[in-house]
Every structure is written in structure tokens, then in C-alpha cells.
Amino acid sequence: MEKSIFQRVIDREIPSSIAFENEDYIAIHDINPQAPVHLLVIPKKLSTRLDEIMDPLELGQLYAVAVEVAKAHLTDYMLVTNVGAGAGQTVFHTHIHILGGWETPPKVLGAH
């Protein structure tokens, strides 16, 4: 199987702007930002979709890291995860988008 772009970033084969890194996760600035601040939190352990992560502690840790990174960069933010091509996932390596920094928040599906 060919490495995903995120695996290549993790392996330092592709340069990226790293916002956070520890032994298990990396957070980078998105190269095609959809918000004034757009970060990606990526587990270093490969899973192609969020719903492949069956360990509740692993899933919780992913979201805990996303919140930690988000709070370090923003006061208000959205966490977005696309699961599958039909939901807009284009890189098949689980990741969470952190989006924020708007003066006026965008209208998004599911927002209340």
C-alpha cells in the first residue's frame, strides 16, 4: 500500500508546518485552509477511517489531543471529522480538522 500524504509528513518525507507533536500524534497547519486557522490532528498509528478505531481510550485520546491543540490556538473552534468518501474524506488516514478564527462564524450543517 502506498503511503498517504500524512504518513509522508509523519516520516518527514514532506515538509509541513508543525503545530504540535508527541510520540503518538502530530498536528499540522492545513496547506489548503478552509478557515483563518485550520489545523489537522493526525494519529501516527494508521487507521484509514475514524470508525476503525475500536479502542475507546485511543479514540478519546485523539479527541483530547485535538482539544488541547485547539485551545492552544483558538478560543472558539470547530472539530470536524470526515468519515468516508461520501462524507468528504479525501485523505484516508484518520484525522481531525480544527477550524476557527472567523469574525463571523460560517453557516454549517448541524450548527445550533
C-alpha atoms as a PDB file:
ATOM      1  CA  MET A   1       0.000   0.000   0.000  1.00  0.00           C
ATOM      2  CA  GLU A   2       1.286   3.448  -0.909  1.00  0.00           C
ATOM      3  CA  LYS A   3       1.885   5.874   1.956  1.00  0.00           C
ATOM      4  CA  SER A   4      -0.720   8.587   2.470  1.00  0.00           C
ATOM      5  CA  ILE A   5       0.373  12.213   2.405  1.00  0.00           C
ATOM      6  CA  PHE A   6       0.008  12.217   6.212  1.00  0.00           C
ATOM      7  CA  GLN A   7       2.292   9.202   6.609  1.00  0.00           C
ATOM      8  CA  ARG A   8       4.818  11.010   4.451  1.00  0.00           C
ATOM      9  CA  VAL A   9       4.517  14.108   6.680  1.00  0.00           C
ATOM     10  CA  ILE A  10       4.971  11.960   9.810  1.00  0.00           C
ATOM     11  CA  ASP A  11       8.048  10.338   8.233  1.00  0.00           C
ATOM     12  CA  ARG A  12       9.392  13.814   7.324  1.00  0.00           C
ATOM     13  CA  GLU A  13       9.358  12.995   3.606  1.00  0.00           C
ATOM     14  CA  ILE A  14       7.183  16.070   3.014  1.00  0.00           C
ATOM     15  CA  PRO A  15       7.806  19.354   4.856  1.00  0.00           C
ATOM     16  CA  SER A  16       4.948  20.756   6.905  1.00  0.00           C
ATOM     17  CA  SER A  17       4.259  23.452   9.442  1.00  0.00           C
ATOM     18  CA  ILE A  18       4.007  21.503  12.683  1.00  0.00           C
ATOM     19  CA  ALA A  19       1.824  22.983  15.418  1.00  0.00           C
ATOM     20  CA  PHE A  20       2.156  20.113  17.911  1.00  0.00           C
ATOM     21  CA  GLU A  21       3.817  16.731  18.137  1.00  0.00           C
ATOM     22  CA  ASN A  22       4.236  13.987  20.673  1.00  0.00           C
ATOM     23  CA  GLU A  23       5.001  10.279  20.462  1.00  0.00           C
ATOM     24  CA  ASP A  24       1.539   9.353  19.141  1.00  0.00           C
ATOM     25  CA  TYR A  25       0.143  12.427  17.334  1.00  0.00           C
ATOM     26  CA  ILE A  26       1.137  15.269  15.073  1.00  0.00           C
ATOM     27  CA  ALA A  27      -0.811  18.454  14.359  1.00  0.00           C
ATOM     28  CA  ILE A  28      -0.023  20.460  11.247  1.00  0.00           C
ATOM     29  CA  HIS A  29      -1.313  23.560   9.530  1.00  0.00           C
ATOM     30  CA  ASP A  30      -3.511  22.613   6.570  1.00  0.00           C
ATOM     31  CA  ILE A  31      -1.937  23.560   3.218  1.00  0.00           C
ATOM     32  CA  ASN A  32      -5.400  24.362   1.820  1.00  0.00           C
ATOM     33  CA  PRO A  33      -7.041  26.142   4.777  1.00  0.00           C
ATOM     34  CA  GLN A  34     -10.815  26.419   4.917  1.00  0.00           C
ATOM     35  CA  ALA A  35     -10.689  28.869   7.850  1.00  0.00           C
ATOM     36  CA  PRO A  36      -8.335  31.561   9.169  1.00  0.00           C
ATOM     37  CA  VAL A  37      -6.929  28.842  11.450  1.00  0.00           C
ATOM     38  CA  HIS A  38      -7.074  25.302  10.051  1.00  0.00           C
ATOM     39  CA  LEU A  39      -5.068  22.585  11.746  1.00  0.00           C
ATOM     40  CA  LEU A  40      -5.090  18.819  11.277  1.00  0.00           C
ATOM     41  CA  VAL A  41      -4.569  16.422  14.183  1.00  0.00           C
ATOM     42  CA  ILE A  42      -3.246  13.121  12.887  1.00  0.00           C
ATOM     43  CA  PRO A  43      -2.550   9.927  14.813  1.00  0.00           C
ATOM     44  CA  LYS A  44       0.814   8.454  13.909  1.00  0.00           C
ATOM     45  CA  LYS A  45      -0.756   4.976  14.079  1.00  0.00           C
ATOM     46  CA  LEU A  46      -2.527   4.395  10.775  1.00  0.00           C
ATOM     47  CA  SER A  47      -6.249   3.868  10.551  1.00  0.00           C
ATOM     48  CA  THR A  48      -7.948   4.874   7.329  1.00  0.00           C
ATOM     49  CA  ARG A  49     -11.246   5.950   8.919  1.00  0.00           C
ATOM     50  CA  LEU A  50     -12.252   7.148  12.371  1.00  0.00           C
ATOM     51  CA  ASP A  51     -14.669   4.231  12.773  1.00  0.00           C
ATOM     52  CA  GLU A  52     -11.762   1.771  12.508  1.00  0.00           C
ATOM     53  CA  ILE A  53     -10.529   2.930  15.923  1.00  0.00           C
ATOM     54  CA  MET A  54     -12.289   0.475  18.220  1.00  0.00           C
ATOM     55  CA  ASP A  55     -10.425   1.233  21.446  1.00  0.00           C
ATOM     56  CA  PRO A  56     -12.418   3.880  23.378  1.00  0.00           C
ATOM     57  CA  LEU A  57      -9.259   5.089  25.130  1.00  0.00           C
ATOM     58  CA  GLU A  58      -7.469   5.585  21.803  1.00  0.00           C
ATOM     59  CA  LEU A  59     -10.467   7.411  20.373  1.00  0.00           C
ATOM     60  CA  GLY A  60     -10.733   9.573  23.480  1.00  0.00           C
ATOM     61  CA  GLN A  61      -7.025  10.379  23.383  1.00  0.00           C
ATOM     62  CA  LEU A  62      -7.326  11.531  19.757  1.00  0.00           C
ATOM     63  CA  TYR A  63     -10.078  13.965  20.708  1.00  0.00           C
ATOM     64  CA  ALA A  64      -8.250  15.061  23.876  1.00  0.00           C
ATOM     65  CA  VAL A  65      -5.205  15.958  21.775  1.00  0.00           C
ATOM     66  CA  ALA A  66      -7.427  17.800  19.273  1.00  0.00           C
ATOM     67  CA  VAL A  67      -8.957  19.864  22.089  1.00  0.00           C
ATOM     68  CA  GLU A  68      -5.516  20.584  23.592  1.00  0.00           C
ATOM     69  CA  VAL A  69      -4.187  21.786  20.232  1.00  0.00           C
ATOM     70  CA  ALA A  70      -7.339  23.793  19.512  1.00  0.00           C
ATOM     71  CA  LYS A  71      -7.220  25.569  22.885  1.00  0.00           C
ATOM     72  CA  ALA A  72      -3.568  26.464  22.303  1.00  0.00           C
ATOM     73  CA  HIS A  73      -4.507  28.306  19.083  1.00  0.00           C
ATOM     74  CA  LEU A  74      -8.129  29.434  19.429  1.00  0.00           C
ATOM     75  CA  THR A  75     -10.824  30.436  21.891  1.00  0.00           C
ATOM     76  CA  ASP A  76     -13.721  29.196  19.776  1.00  0.00           C
ATOM     77  CA  TYR A  77     -13.332  26.391  17.276  1.00  0.00           C
ATOM     78  CA  MET A  78     -14.923  23.501  15.432  1.00  0.00           C
ATOM     79  CA  LEU A  79     -13.665  19.936  15.359  1.00  0.00           C
ATOM     80  CA  VAL A  80     -14.608  18.201  12.124  1.00  0.00           C
ATOM     81  CA  THR A  81     -14.007  14.612  11.117  1.00  0.00           C
ATOM     82  CA  ASN A  82     -14.972  13.297   7.711  1.00  0.00           C
ATOM     83  CA  VAL A  83     -15.529   9.526   7.712  1.00  0.00           C
ATOM     84  CA  GLY A  84     -15.516   8.064   4.219  1.00  0.00           C
ATOM     85  CA  ALA A  85     -15.534   9.490   0.715  1.00  0.00           C
ATOM     86  CA  GLY A  86     -19.277  10.124   0.857  1.00  0.00           C
ATOM     87  CA  ALA A  87     -18.662  12.462   3.804  1.00  0.00           C
ATOM     88  CA  GLY A  88     -15.852  14.357   2.099  1.00  0.00           C
ATOM     89  CA  GLN A  89     -12.833  12.388   3.332  1.00  0.00           C
ATOM     90  CA  THR A  90     -10.084  12.718   0.741  1.00  0.00           C
ATOM     91  CA  VAL A  91      -7.037  11.505   2.692  1.00  0.00           C
ATOM     92  CA  PHE A  92      -7.609   8.023   4.054  1.00  0.00           C
ATOM     93  CA  HIS A  93      -5.624   8.365   7.258  1.00  0.00           C
ATOM     94  CA  THR A  94      -7.801   9.293  10.247  1.00  0.00           C
ATOM     95  CA  HIS A  95      -7.531  12.984  11.155  1.00  0.00           C
ATOM     96  CA  ILE A  96      -9.471  15.740  12.873  1.00  0.00           C
ATOM     97  CA  HIS A  97      -9.784  19.223  11.420  1.00  0.00           C
ATOM     98  CA  ILE A  98      -9.591  22.147  13.842  1.00  0.00           C
ATOM     99  CA  LEU A  99     -11.229  25.197  12.281  1.00  0.00           C
ATOM    100  CA  GLY A 100     -11.677  28.672  13.706  1.00  0.00           C
ATOM    101  CA  GLY A 101     -10.627  32.278  13.743  1.00  0.00           C
ATOM    102  CA  TRP A 102     -13.615  33.721  11.882  1.00  0.00           C
ATOM    103  CA  GLU A 103     -15.052  37.098  12.890  1.00  0.00           C
ATOM    104  CA  THR A 104     -18.476  35.798  11.823  1.00  0.00           C
ATOM    105  CA  PRO A 105     -18.877  32.036  12.059  1.00  0.00           C
ATOM    106  CA  PRO A 106     -19.831  30.209   8.889  1.00  0.00           C
ATOM    107  CA  LYS A 107     -23.189  28.552   8.482  1.00  0.00           C
ATOM    108  CA  VAL A 108     -22.514  24.852   8.715  1.00  0.00           C
ATOM    109  CA  LEU A 109     -24.617  21.733   8.604  1.00  0.00           C
ATOM    110  CA  GLY A 110     -25.658  20.705  12.079  1.00  0.00           C
ATOM    111  CA  ALA A 111     -24.770  24.021  13.769  1.00  0.00           C
ATOM    112  CA  HIS A 112     -27.112  25.256  16.502  1.00  0.00           C
END
